[in-house]
Amino acid sequence: MTKPKNCIPVADAKVLQANWNNNQAKDIEKATGTKDVCAVTFNIDQLQQFIDYVKAESAIKGIDSPGIRVYFAAYNDKESNKATVFLNATESDDGNSANNYGIDPLNLGSNRWPPYAY
């Protein structure tokens, strides 16, 4: 299998994550008074199952090139007020495509605590 064309070097990823830590993470910590998660891990089999689910359900609806959008989110309950992400199917792989609300999003990855930089 060949490497996907949108892969970036590790050094570039470190710069991007450092940018987030030096900006957004500091603002979140200042606003909430505590550090927040900076990464969410999903099991690879769970991700593949979600991709297969999105492809199958999209095909039923006649969507040939679905996408998956990553949304930043946060819990707000007795157990946690920390950040998370969820993955949502879209009606195409275009960045401006509509969400496909007929497919349930994927959530419940695990958060590394305490947060560590990439």
PDB file of N, CA and C in Angstrom:
ATOM      1  N   MET A   1       0.853  -1.182   0.000  1.00  0.00           N
ATOM      2  CA  MET A   1       0.000   0.000   0.000  1.00  0.00           C
ATOM      3  C   MET A   1       0.896   1.243   0.000  1.00  0.00           C
ATOM      4  N   THR A   2       0.490   2.250  -0.719  1.00  0.00           N
ATOM      5  CA  THR A   2       1.257   3.490  -0.769  1.00  0.00           C
ATOM      6  C   THR A   2       0.779   4.458   0.295  1.00  0.00           C
ATOM      7  N   LYS A   3       1.666   5.351   0.677  1.00  0.00           N
ATOM      8  CA  LYS A   3       1.342   6.367   1.685  1.00  0.00           C
ATOM      9  C   LYS A   3       0.334   7.348   1.086  1.00  0.00           C
ATOM     10  N   PRO A   4      -0.701   7.740   1.847  1.00  0.00           N
ATOM     11  CA  PRO A   4      -1.659   8.731   1.359  1.00  0.00           C
ATOM     12  C   PRO A   4      -0.963  10.045   1.007  1.00  0.00           C
ATOM     13  N   LYS A   5      -1.462  10.727  -0.016  1.00  0.00           N
ATOM     14  CA  LYS A   5      -0.807  11.936  -0.519  1.00  0.00           C
ATOM     15  C   LYS A   5      -0.832  13.096   0.477  1.00  0.00           C
ATOM     16  N   ASN A   6      -1.743  13.106   1.426  1.00  0.00           N
ATOM     17  CA  ASN A   6      -1.848  14.232   2.362  1.00  0.00           C
ATOM     18  C   ASN A   6      -1.079  14.029   3.661  1.00  0.00           C
ATOM     19  N   CYS A   7      -0.237  13.000   3.736  1.00  0.00           N
ATOM     20  CA  CYS A   7       0.603  12.819   4.915  1.00  0.00           C
ATOM     21  C   CYS A   7       1.619  13.959   4.982  1.00  0.00           C
ATOM     22  N   ILE A   8       1.949  14.364   6.204  1.00  0.00           N
ATOM     23  CA  ILE A   8       2.931  15.425   6.396  1.00  0.00           C
ATOM     24  C   ILE A   8       4.084  14.872   7.216  1.00  0.00           C
ATOM     25  N   PRO A   9       5.257  15.484   7.111  1.00  0.00           N
ATOM     26  CA  PRO A   9       6.381  15.034   7.931  1.00  0.00           C
ATOM     27  C   PRO A   9       6.101  15.236   9.419  1.00  0.00           C
ATOM     28  N   VAL A  10       6.697  14.391  10.247  1.00  0.00           N
ATOM     29  CA  VAL A  10       6.534  14.493  11.693  1.00  0.00           C
ATOM     30  C   VAL A  10       6.924  15.891  12.173  1.00  0.00           C
ATOM     31  N   ALA A  11       7.982  16.451  11.614  1.00  0.00           N
ATOM     32  CA  ALA A  11       8.420  17.794  12.030  1.00  0.00           C
ATOM     33  C   ALA A  11       7.319  18.829  11.797  1.00  0.00           C
ATOM     34  N   ASP A  12       6.602  18.723  10.686  1.00  0.00           N
ATOM     35  CA  ASP A  12       5.496  19.649  10.410  1.00  0.00           C
ATOM     36  C   ASP A  12       4.359  19.449  11.405  1.00  0.00           C
ATOM     37  N   ALA A  13       4.079  18.185  11.738  1.00  0.00           N
ATOM     38  CA  ALA A  13       3.026  17.896  12.709  1.00  0.00           C
ATOM     39  C   ALA A  13       3.379  18.486  14.071  1.00  0.00           C
ATOM     40  N   LYS A  14       4.661  18.400  14.444  1.00  0.00           N
ATOM     41  CA  LYS A  14       5.093  18.962  15.723  1.00  0.00           C
ATOM     42  C   LYS A  14       4.903  20.475  15.751  1.00  0.00           C
ATOM     43  N   VAL A  15       5.173  21.136  14.639  1.00  0.00           N
ATOM     44  CA  VAL A  15       4.977  22.586  14.563  1.00  0.00           C
ATOM     45  C   VAL A  15       3.491  22.925  14.682  1.00  0.00           C
ATOM     46  N   LEU A  16       2.644  22.198  13.964  1.00  0.00           N
ATOM     47  CA  LEU A  16       1.201  22.458  14.029  1.00  0.00           C
ATOM     48  C   LEU A  16       0.671  22.280  15.451  1.00  0.00           C
ATOM     49  N   GLN A  17       1.098  21.217  16.127  1.00  0.00           N
ATOM     50  CA  GLN A  17       0.613  20.955  17.476  1.00  0.00           C
ATOM     51  C   GLN A  17       1.177  21.979  18.451  1.00  0.00           C
ATOM     52  N   ALA A  18       2.401  22.394  18.262  1.00  0.00           N
ATOM     53  CA  ALA A  18       2.987  23.441  19.105  1.00  0.00           C
ATOM     54  C   ALA A  18       2.225  24.753  18.935  1.00  0.00           C
ATOM     55  N   ASN A  19       1.822  25.052  17.714  1.00  0.00           N
ATOM     56  CA  ASN A  19       1.014  26.252  17.470  1.00  0.00           C
ATOM     57  C   ASN A  19      -0.275  26.194  18.283  1.00  0.00           C
ATOM     58  N   TRP A  20      -0.911  25.035  18.297  1.00  0.00           N
ATOM     59  CA  TRP A  20      -2.160  24.872  19.053  1.00  0.00           C
ATOM     60  C   TRP A  20      -1.895  25.023  20.547  1.00  0.00           C
ATOM     61  N   ASN A  21      -0.835  24.379  21.036  1.00  0.00           N
ATOM     62  CA  ASN A  21      -0.496  24.468  22.463  1.00  0.00           C
ATOM     63  C   ASN A  21      -0.190  25.899  22.888  1.00  0.00           C
ATOM     64  N   ASN A  22       0.456  26.656  22.025  1.00  0.00           N
ATOM     65  CA  ASN A  22       0.852  28.024  22.354  1.00  0.00           C
ATOM     66  C   ASN A  22      -0.272  29.037  22.178  1.00  0.00           C
ATOM     67  N   ASN A  23      -1.360  28.628  21.570  1.00  0.00           N
ATOM     68  CA  ASN A  23      -2.479  29.545  21.341  1.00  0.00           C
ATOM     69  C   ASN A  23      -3.776  29.022  21.959  1.00  0.00           C
ATOM     70  N   GLN A  24      -4.433  28.116  21.284  1.00  0.00           N
ATOM     71  CA  GLN A  24      -5.733  27.625  21.748  1.00  0.00           C
ATOM     72  C   GLN A  24      -5.657  26.986  23.130  1.00  0.00           C
ATOM     73  N   ALA A  25      -4.651  26.142  23.362  1.00  0.00           N
ATOM     74  CA  ALA A  25      -4.562  25.460  24.666  1.00  0.00           C
ATOM     75  C   ALA A  25      -4.397  26.453  25.808  1.00  0.00           C
ATOM     76  N   LYS A  26      -3.595  27.480  25.591  1.00  0.00           N
ATOM     77  CA  LYS A  26      -3.405  28.499  26.640  1.00  0.00           C
ATOM     78  C   LYS A  26      -4.704  29.253  26.898  1.00  0.00           C
ATOM     79  N   ASP A  27      -5.444  29.574  25.836  1.00  0.00           N
ATOM     80  CA  ASP A  27      -6.723  30.266  26.011  1.00  0.00           C
ATOM     81  C   ASP A  27      -7.733  29.397  26.756  1.00  0.00           C
ATOM     82  N   ILE A  28      -7.765  28.117  26.444  1.00  0.00           N
ATOM     83  CA  ILE A  28      -8.676  27.195  27.129  1.00  0.00           C
ATOM     84  C   ILE A  28      -8.307  27.084  28.603  1.00  0.00           C
ATOM     85  N   GLU A  29      -7.019  26.941  28.888  1.00  0.00           N
ATOM     86  CA  GLU A  29      -6.577  26.834  30.281  1.00  0.00           C
ATOM     87  C   GLU A  29      -6.891  28.116  31.058  1.00  0.00           C
ATOM     88  N   LYS A  30      -6.696  29.256  30.426  1.00  0.00           N
ATOM     89  CA  LYS A  30      -6.995  30.535  31.073  1.00  0.00           C
ATOM     90  C   LYS A  30      -8.494  30.660  31.355  1.00  0.00           C
ATOM     91  N   ALA A  31      -9.322  30.234  30.415  1.00  0.00           N
ATOM     92  CA  ALA A  31     -10.773  30.361  30.571  1.00  0.00           C
ATOM     93  C   ALA A  31     -11.345  29.362  31.570  1.00  0.00           C
ATOM     94  N   THR A  32     -10.785  28.148  31.616  1.00  0.00           N
ATOM     95  CA  THR A  32     -11.354  27.106  32.481  1.00  0.00           C
ATOM     96  C   THR A  32     -10.598  26.927  33.787  1.00  0.00           C
ATOM     97  N   GLY A  33      -9.377  27.440  33.854  1.00  0.00           N
ATOM     98  CA  GLY A  33      -8.572  27.278  35.049  1.00  0.00           C
ATOM     99  C   GLY A  33      -7.894  25.932  35.161  1.00  0.00           C
ATOM    100  N   THR A  34      -7.910  25.146  34.103  1.00  0.00           N
ATOM    101  CA  THR A  34      -7.279  23.831  34.114  1.00  0.00           C
ATOM    102  C   THR A  34      -6.857  23.450  32.706  1.00  0.00           C
ATOM    103  N   LYS A  35      -5.882  22.550  32.624  1.00  0.00           N
ATOM    104  CA  LYS A  35      -5.487  22.029  31.315  1.00  0.00           C
ATOM    105  C   LYS A  35      -6.615  21.179  30.749  1.00  0.00           C
ATOM    106  N   ASP A  36      -6.641  21.080  29.440  1.00  0.00           N
ATOM    107  CA  ASP A  36      -7.625  20.240  28.764  1.00  0.00           C
ATOM    108  C   ASP A  36      -6.883  19.240  27.888  1.00  0.00           C
ATOM    109  N   VAL A  37      -7.596  18.249  27.405  1.00  0.00           N
ATOM    110  CA  VAL A  37      -6.978  17.264  26.523  1.00  0.00           C
ATOM    111  C   VAL A  37      -6.545  17.944  25.225  1.00  0.00           C
ATOM    112  N   CYS A  38      -5.526  17.388  24.597  1.00  0.00           N
ATOM    113  CA  CYS A  38      -5.058  17.945  23.323  1.00  0.00           C
ATOM    114  C   CYS A  38      -4.999  16.872  22.249  1.00  0.00           C
ATOM    115  N   ALA A  39      -5.508  15.681  22.559  1.00  0.00           N
ATOM    116  CA  ALA A  39      -5.524  14.587  21.594  1.00  0.00           C
ATOM    117  C   ALA A  39      -6.583  13.572  22.010  1.00  0.00           C
ATOM    118  N   VAL A  40      -7.139  12.894  21.029  1.00  0.00           N
ATOM    119  CA  VAL A  40      -8.123  11.833  21.271  1.00  0.00           C
ATOM    120  C   VAL A  40      -7.689  10.627  20.446  1.00  0.00           C
ATOM    121  N   THR A  41      -7.658   9.463  21.072  1.00  0.00           N
ATOM    122  CA  THR A  41      -7.231   8.240  20.404  1.00  0.00           C
ATOM    123  C   THR A  41      -8.433   7.346  20.128  1.00  0.00           C
ATOM    124  N   PHE A  42      -8.510   6.845  18.893  1.00  0.00           N
ATOM    125  CA  PHE A  42      -9.538   5.878  18.511  1.00  0.00           C
ATOM    126  C   PHE A  42      -8.858   4.564  18.147  1.00  0.00           C
ATOM    127  N   ASN A  43      -9.465   3.467  18.508  1.00  0.00           N
ATOM    128  CA  ASN A  43      -9.009   2.145  18.121  1.00  0.00           C
ATOM    129  C   ASN A  43      -9.086   2.032  16.600  1.00  0.00           C
ATOM    130  N   ILE A  44      -8.053   1.496  15.967  1.00  0.00           N
ATOM    131  CA  ILE A  44      -7.998   1.418  14.509  1.00  0.00           C
ATOM    132  C   ILE A  44      -9.139   0.576  13.936  1.00  0.00           C
ATOM    133  N   ASP A  45      -9.506  -0.508  14.614  1.00  0.00           N
ATOM    134  CA  ASP A  45     -10.615  -1.334  14.138  1.00  0.00           C
ATOM    135  C   ASP A  45     -11.932  -0.571  14.227  1.00  0.00           C
ATOM    136  N   GLN A  46     -12.089   0.219  15.289  1.00  0.00           N
ATOM    137  CA  GLN A  46     -13.289   1.037  15.442  1.00  0.00           C
ATOM    138  C   GLN A  46     -13.366   2.079  14.321  1.00  0.00           C
ATOM    139  N   LEU A  47     -12.229   2.683  13.999  1.00  0.00           N
ATOM    140  CA  LEU A  47     -12.199   3.649  12.894  1.00  0.00           C
ATOM    141  C   LEU A  47     -12.549   2.989  11.563  1.00  0.00           C
ATOM    142  N   GLN A  48     -11.971   1.813  11.314  1.00  0.00           N
ATOM    143  CA  GLN A  48     -12.267   1.110  10.062  1.00  0.00           C
ATOM    144  C   GLN A  48     -13.740   0.739   9.989  1.00  0.00           C
ATOM    145  N   GLN A  49     -14.305   0.306  11.112  1.00  0.00           N
ATOM    146  CA  GLN A  49     -15.727  -0.038  11.150  1.00  0.00           C
ATOM    147  C   GLN A  49     -16.572   1.198  10.842  1.00  0.00           C
ATOM    148  N   PHE A  50     -16.173   2.354  11.371  1.00  0.00           N
ATOM    149  CA  PHE A  50     -16.910   3.583  11.097  1.00  0.00           C
ATOM    150  C   PHE A  50     -16.790   3.964   9.622  1.00  0.00           C
ATOM    151  N   ILE A  51     -15.596   3.852   9.061  1.00  0.00           N
ATOM    152  CA  ILE A  51     -15.412   4.160   7.640  1.00  0.00           C
ATOM    153  C   ILE A  51     -16.282   3.237   6.788  1.00  0.00           C
ATOM    154  N   ASP A  52     -16.289   1.952   7.102  1.00  0.00           N
ATOM    155  CA  ASP A  52     -17.123   0.994   6.364  1.00  0.00           C
ATOM    156  C   ASP A  52     -18.604   1.328   6.502  1.00  0.00           C
ATOM    157  N   TYR A  53     -19.022   1.718   7.702  1.00  0.00           N
ATOM    158  CA  TYR A  53     -20.411   2.119   7.974  1.00  0.00           C
ATOM    159  C   TYR A  53     -20.785   3.340   7.139  1.00  0.00           C
ATOM    160  N   VAL A  54     -19.913   4.342   7.110  1.00  0.00           N
ATOM    161  CA  VAL A  54     -20.175   5.559   6.335  1.00  0.00           C
ATOM    162  C   VAL A  54     -20.269   5.226   4.850  1.00  0.00           C
ATOM    163  N   LYS A  55     -19.355   4.413   4.344  1.00  0.00           N
ATOM    164  CA  LYS A  55     -19.387   4.037   2.929  1.00  0.00           C
ATOM    165  C   LYS A  55     -20.676   3.298   2.577  1.00  0.00           C
ATOM    166  N   ALA A  56     -21.044   2.325   3.407  1.00  0.00           N
ATOM    167  CA  ALA A  56     -22.234   1.512   3.121  1.00  0.00           C
ATOM    168  C   ALA A  56     -23.511   2.340   3.187  1.00  0.00           C
ATOM    169  N   GLU A  57     -23.674   3.121   4.244  1.00  0.00           N
ATOM    170  CA  GLU A  57     -24.885   3.935   4.384  1.00  0.00           C
ATOM    171  C   GLU A  57     -24.951   5.024   3.317  1.00  0.00           C
ATOM    172  N   SER A  58     -23.810   5.583   2.956  1.00  0.00           N
ATOM    173  CA  SER A  58     -23.782   6.607   1.909  1.00  0.00           C
ATOM    174  C   SER A  58     -24.164   6.009   0.567  1.00  0.00           C
ATOM    175  N   ALA A  59     -23.674   4.812   0.265  1.00  0.00           N
ATOM    176  CA  ALA A  59     -24.005   4.145  -0.994  1.00  0.00           C
ATOM    177  C   ALA A  59     -25.505   3.915  -1.108  1.00  0.00           C
ATOM    178  N   ILE A  60     -26.132   3.523  -0.010  1.00  0.00           N
ATOM    179  CA  ILE A  60     -27.590   3.319  -0.006  1.00  0.00           C
ATOM    180  C   ILE A  60     -28.311   4.603  -0.389  1.00  0.00           C
ATOM    181  N   LYS A  61     -27.762   5.742   0.022  1.00  0.00           N
ATOM    182  CA  LYS A  61     -28.368   7.047  -0.258  1.00  0.00           C
ATOM    183  C   LYS A  61     -27.883   7.648  -1.579  1.00  0.00           C
ATOM    184  N   GLY A  62     -27.074   6.890  -2.330  1.00  0.00           N
ATOM    185  CA  GLY A  62     -26.579   7.364  -3.618  1.00  0.00           C
ATOM    186  C   GLY A  62     -25.439   8.367  -3.520  1.00  0.00           C
ATOM    187  N   ILE A  63     -24.747   8.398  -2.382  1.00  0.00           N
ATOM    188  CA  ILE A  63     -23.607   9.296  -2.200  1.00  0.00           C
ATOM    189  C   ILE A  63     -22.350   8.520  -2.553  1.00  0.00           C
ATOM    190  N   ASP A  64     -21.681   8.929  -3.646  1.00  0.00           N
ATOM    191  CA  ASP A  64     -20.527   8.194  -4.158  1.00  0.00           C
ATOM    192  C   ASP A  64     -19.214   8.511  -3.459  1.00  0.00           C
ATOM    193  N   SER A  65     -19.036   9.742  -3.026  1.00  0.00           N
ATOM    194  CA  SER A  65     -17.760  10.154  -2.422  1.00  0.00           C
ATOM    195  C   SER A  65     -18.002  10.848  -1.084  1.00  0.00           C
ATOM    196  N   PRO A  66     -18.423  10.090  -0.069  1.00  0.00           N
ATOM    197  CA  PRO A  66     -18.668  10.723   1.226  1.00  0.00           C
ATOM    198  C   PRO A  66     -17.363  11.189   1.857  1.00  0.00           C
ATOM    199  N   GLY A  67     -17.482  12.072   2.803  1.00  0.00           N
ATOM    200  CA  GLY A  67     -16.338  12.516   3.578  1.00  0.00           C
ATOM    201  C   GLY A  67     -16.592  12.268   5.046  1.00  0.00           C
ATOM    202  N   ILE A  68     -15.585  12.510   5.842  1.00  0.00           N
ATOM    203  CA  ILE A  68     -15.722  12.444   7.296  1.00  0.00           C
ATOM    204  C   ILE A  68     -15.130  13.729   7.856  1.00  0.00           C
ATOM    205  N   ARG A  69     -15.945  14.444   8.603  1.00  0.00           N
ATOM    206  CA  ARG A  69     -15.533  15.711   9.216  1.00  0.00           C
ATOM    207  C   ARG A  69     -15.254  15.465  10.691  1.00  0.00           C
ATOM    208  N   VAL A  70     -14.210  16.087  11.214  1.00  0.00           N
ATOM    209  CA  VAL A  70     -13.865  15.987  12.633  1.00  0.00           C
ATOM    210  C   VAL A  70     -14.334  17.265  13.315  1.00  0.00           C
ATOM    211  N   TYR A  71     -15.204  17.112  14.304  1.00  0.00           N
ATOM    212  CA  TYR A  71     -15.693  18.253  15.082  1.00  0.00           C
ATOM    213  C   TYR A  71     -15.029  18.274  16.449  1.00  0.00           C
ATOM    214  N   PHE A  72     -14.574  19.442  16.868  1.00  0.00           N
ATOM    215  CA  PHE A  72     -14.114  19.637  18.237  1.00  0.00           C
ATOM    216  C   PHE A  72     -15.364  19.754  19.097  1.00  0.00           C
ATOM    217  N   ALA A  73     -15.333  19.181  20.274  1.00  0.00           N
ATOM    218  CA  ALA A  73     -16.509  19.176  21.140  1.00  0.00           C
ATOM    219  C   ALA A  73     -16.048  19.144  22.598  1.00  0.00           C
ATOM    220  N   ALA A  74     -16.999  19.201  23.524  1.00  0.00           N
ATOM    221  CA  ALA A  74     -16.669  19.132  24.948  1.00  0.00           C
ATOM    222  C   ALA A  74     -17.813  18.477  25.697  1.00  0.00           C
ATOM    223  N   TYR A  75     -17.448  17.730  26.716  1.00  0.00           N
ATOM    224  CA  TYR A  75     -18.443  17.154  27.611  1.00  0.00           C
ATOM    225  C   TYR A  75     -18.885  18.231  28.594  1.00  0.00           C
ATOM    226  N   ASN A  76     -20.056  18.060  29.152  1.00  0.00           N
ATOM    227  CA  ASN A  76     -20.563  18.991  30.150  1.00  0.00           C
ATOM    228  C   ASN A  76     -21.494  18.221  31.073  1.00  0.00           C
ATOM    229  N   ASP A  77     -20.880  17.341  31.861  1.00  0.00           N
ATOM    230  CA  ASP A  77     -21.677  16.526  32.776  1.00  0.00           C
ATOM    231  C   ASP A  77     -20.903  16.302  34.078  1.00  0.00           C
ATOM    232  N   LYS A  78     -21.452  15.471  34.954  1.00  0.00           N
ATOM    233  CA  LYS A  78     -20.835  15.221  36.257  1.00  0.00           C
ATOM    234  C   LYS A  78     -19.440  14.615  36.139  1.00  0.00           C
ATOM    235  N   GLU A  79     -19.206  13.838  35.064  1.00  0.00           N
ATOM    236  CA  GLU A  79     -17.943  13.124  34.928  1.00  0.00           C
ATOM    237  C   GLU A  79     -16.838  13.966  34.300  1.00  0.00           C
ATOM    238  N   SER A  80     -17.176  14.876  33.393  1.00  0.00           N
ATOM    239  CA  SER A  80     -16.124  15.593  32.685  1.00  0.00           C
ATOM    240  C   SER A  80     -16.638  16.861  32.025  1.00  0.00           C
ATOM    241  N   ASN A  81     -15.751  17.836  31.943  1.00  0.00           N
ATOM    242  CA  ASN A  81     -16.015  19.027  31.141  1.00  0.00           C
ATOM    243  C   ASN A  81     -14.890  19.190  30.120  1.00  0.00           C
ATOM    244  N   LYS A  82     -14.163  18.098  29.845  1.00  0.00           N
ATOM    245  CA  LYS A  82     -12.997  18.123  28.971  1.00  0.00           C
ATOM    246  C   LYS A  82     -13.388  18.048  27.496  1.00  0.00           C
ATOM    247  N   ALA A  83     -12.428  18.431  26.674  1.00  0.00           N
ATOM    248  CA  ALA A  83     -12.608  18.410  25.233  1.00  0.00           C
ATOM    249  C   ALA A  83     -12.660  16.983  24.706  1.00  0.00           C
ATOM    250  N   THR A  84     -13.256  16.837  23.551  1.00  0.00           N
ATOM    251  CA  THR A  84     -13.290  15.580  22.814  1.00  0.00           C
ATOM    252  C   THR A  84     -13.433  15.939  21.340  1.00  0.00           C
ATOM    253  N   VAL A  85     -13.545  14.950  20.518  1.00  0.00           N
ATOM    254  CA  VAL A  85     -13.894  15.139  19.114  1.00  0.00           C
ATOM    255  C   VAL A  85     -14.940  14.102  18.764  1.00  0.00           C
ATOM    256  N   PHE A  86     -15.685  14.375  17.700  1.00  0.00           N
ATOM    257  CA  PHE A  86     -16.504  13.329  17.110  1.00  0.00           C
ATOM    258  C   PHE A  86     -16.354  13.409  15.608  1.00  0.00           C
ATOM    259  N   LEU A  87     -16.513  12.259  14.961  1.00  0.00           N
ATOM    260  CA  LEU A  87     -16.382  12.161  13.516  1.00  0.00           C
ATOM    261  C   LEU A  87     -17.768  12.074  12.917  1.00  0.00           C
ATOM    262  N   ASN A  88     -18.009  12.875  11.893  1.00  0.00           N
ATOM    263  CA  ASN A  88     -19.323  12.978  11.292  1.00  0.00           C
ATOM    264  C   ASN A  88     -19.235  12.752   9.783  1.00  0.00           C
ATOM    265  N   ALA A  89     -20.125  11.951   9.257  1.00  0.00           N
ATOM    266  CA  ALA A  89     -20.181  11.728   7.811  1.00  0.00           C
ATOM    267  C   ALA A  89     -20.700  12.972   7.097  1.00  0.00           C
ATOM    268  N   THR A  90     -20.162  13.208   5.905  1.00  0.00           N
ATOM    269  CA  THR A  90     -20.626  14.319   5.081  1.00  0.00           C
ATOM    270  C   THR A  90     -21.126  13.779   3.747  1.00  0.00           C
ATOM    271  N   GLU A  91     -21.841  14.622   3.033  1.00  0.00           N
ATOM    272  CA  GLU A  91     -22.450  14.197   1.770  1.00  0.00           C
ATOM    273  C   GLU A  91     -21.475  14.153   0.602  1.00  0.00           C
ATOM    274  N   SER A  92     -20.267  14.684   0.790  1.00  0.00           N
ATOM    275  CA  SER A  92     -19.199  14.546  -0.204  1.00  0.00           C
ATOM    276  C   SER A  92     -17.874  14.786   0.496  1.00  0.00           C
ATOM    277  N   ASP A  93     -16.800  14.608  -0.246  1.00  0.00           N
ATOM    278  CA  ASP A  93     -15.486  14.830   0.345  1.00  0.00           C
ATOM    279  C   ASP A  93     -15.003  16.266   0.155  1.00  0.00           C
ATOM    280  N   ASP A  94     -15.880  17.140  -0.302  1.00  0.00           N
ATOM    281  CA  ASP A  94     -15.598  18.565  -0.431  1.00  0.00           C
ATOM    282  C   ASP A  94     -15.709  19.197   0.961  1.00  0.00           C
ATOM    283  N   GLY A  95     -14.794  20.077   1.316  1.00  0.00           N
ATOM    284  CA  GLY A  95     -14.800  20.699   2.640  1.00  0.00           C
ATOM    285  C   GLY A  95     -16.046  21.497   2.948  1.00  0.00           C
ATOM    286  N   ASN A  96     -16.769  21.925   1.930  1.00  0.00           N
ATOM    287  CA  ASN A  96     -17.995  22.702   2.130  1.00  0.00           C
ATOM    288  C   ASN A  96     -19.254  21.850   2.074  1.00  0.00           C
ATOM    289  N   SER A  97     -19.095  20.530   2.008  1.00  0.00           N
ATOM    290  CA  SER A  97     -20.261  19.664   1.871  1.00  0.00           C
ATOM    291  C   SER A  97     -21.125  19.681   3.130  1.00  0.00           C
ATOM    292  N   ALA A  98     -22.376  19.308   2.936  1.00  0.00           N
ATOM    293  CA  ALA A  98     -23.318  19.248   4.049  1.00  0.00           C
ATOM    294  C   ALA A  98     -23.054  18.021   4.915  1.00  0.00           C
ATOM    295  N   ASN A  99     -23.382  18.142   6.185  1.00  0.00           N
ATOM    296  CA  ASN A  99     -23.332  16.978   7.073  1.00  0.00           C
ATOM    297  C   ASN A  99     -24.381  15.976   6.638  1.00  0.00           C
ATOM    298  N   ASN A 100     -24.080  14.708   6.798  1.00  0.00           N
ATOM    299  CA  ASN A 100     -25.049  13.657   6.529  1.00  0.00           C
ATOM    300  C   ASN A 100     -25.629  13.230   7.870  1.00  0.00           C
ATOM    301  N   TYR A 101     -26.752  13.828   8.236  1.00  0.00           N
ATOM    302  CA  TYR A 101     -27.374  13.563   9.530  1.00  0.00           C
ATOM    303  C   TYR A 101     -28.092  12.216   9.588  1.00  0.00           C
ATOM    304  N   GLY A 102     -28.098  11.483   8.473  1.00  0.00           N
ATOM    305  CA  GLY A 102     -28.682  10.149   8.461  1.00  0.00           C
ATOM    306  C   GLY A 102     -27.727   9.082   8.966  1.00  0.00           C
ATOM    307  N   ILE A 103     -26.501   9.475   9.271  1.00  0.00           N
ATOM    308  CA  ILE A 103     -25.484   8.544   9.768  1.00  0.00           C
ATOM    309  C   ILE A 103     -25.022   9.042  11.139  1.00  0.00           C
ATOM    310  N   ASP A 104     -25.081   8.171  12.133  1.00  0.00           N
ATOM    311  CA  ASP A 104     -24.677   8.565  13.482  1.00  0.00           C
ATOM    312  C   ASP A 104     -23.176   8.833  13.554  1.00  0.00           C
ATOM    313  N   PRO A 105     -22.757   9.914  14.230  1.00  0.00           N
ATOM    314  CA  PRO A 105     -21.340  10.225  14.397  1.00  0.00           C
ATOM    315  C   PRO A 105     -20.628   9.220  15.311  1.00  0.00           C
ATOM    316  N   LEU A 106     -19.307   9.218  15.229  1.00  0.00           N
ATOM    317  CA  LEU A 106     -18.462   8.378  16.082  1.00  0.00           C
ATOM    318  C   LEU A 106     -17.836   9.242  17.162  1.00  0.00           C
ATOM    319  N   ASN A 107     -17.907   8.788  18.410  1.00  0.00           N
ATOM    320  CA  ASN A 107     -17.327   9.485  19.548  1.00  0.00           C
ATOM    321  C   ASN A 107     -16.736   8.424  20.473  1.00  0.00           C
ATOM    322  N   LEU A 108     -16.405   8.806  21.649  1.00  0.00           N
ATOM    323  CA  LEU A 108     -15.922   7.917  22.708  1.00  0.00           C
ATOM    324  C   LEU A 108     -14.553   7.315  22.418  1.00  0.00           C
ATOM    325  N   GLY A 109     -13.675   8.142  21.878  1.00  0.00           N
ATOM    326  CA  GLY A 109     -12.266   7.759  21.844  1.00  0.00           C
ATOM    327  C   GLY A 109     -11.728   7.928  23.249  1.00  0.00           C
ATOM    328  N   SER A 110     -10.449   7.730  23.430  1.00  0.00           N
ATOM    329  CA  SER A 110      -9.875   7.919  24.758  1.00  0.00           C
ATOM    330  C   SER A 110      -8.946   9.132  24.737  1.00  0.00           C
ATOM    331  N   ASN A 111      -8.906   9.818  25.853  1.00  0.00           N
ATOM    332  CA  ASN A 111      -8.120  11.038  25.969  1.00  0.00           C
ATOM    333  C   ASN A 111      -6.903  10.784  26.837  1.00  0.00           C
ATOM    334  N   ARG A 112      -5.755  11.203  26.373  1.00  0.00           N
ATOM    335  CA  ARG A 112      -4.517  11.039  27.131  1.00  0.00           C
ATOM    336  C   ARG A 112      -4.499  12.051  28.276  1.00  0.00           C
ATOM    337  N   TRP A 113      -4.318  11.546  29.496  1.00  0.00           N
ATOM    338  CA  TRP A 113      -4.295  12.454  30.636  1.00  0.00           C
ATOM    339  C   TRP A 113      -3.140  12.122  31.555  1.00  0.00           C
ATOM    340  N   PRO A 114      -2.364  13.071  31.989  1.00  0.00           N
ATOM    341  CA  PRO A 114      -2.485  14.469  31.589  1.00  0.00           C
ATOM    342  C   PRO A 114      -2.038  14.654  30.138  1.00  0.00           C
ATOM    343  N   PRO A 115      -2.438  15.758  29.521  1.00  0.00           N
ATOM    344  CA  PRO A 115      -2.095  15.957  28.110  1.00  0.00           C
ATOM    345  C   PRO A 115      -0.594  16.168  27.915  1.00  0.00           C
ATOM    346  N   TYR A 116      -0.063  15.602  26.881  1.00  0.00           N
ATOM    347  CA  TYR A 116       1.340  15.749  26.512  1.00  0.00           C
ATOM    348  C   TYR A 116       1.430  16.246  25.079  1.00  0.00           C
ATOM    349  N   ALA A 117       2.408  17.076  24.816  1.00  0.00           N
ATOM    350  CA  ALA A 117       2.623  17.573  23.454  1.00  0.00           C
ATOM    351  C   ALA A 117       3.042  16.437  22.534  1.00  0.00           C
ATOM    352  N   TYR A 118       2.777  16.583  21.256  1.00  0.00           N
ATOM    353  CA  TYR A 118       3.101  15.593  20.229  1.00  0.00           C
ATOM    354  C   TYR A 118       4.565  15.354  20.152  1.00  0.00           C
TER     355      TYR A 118
END
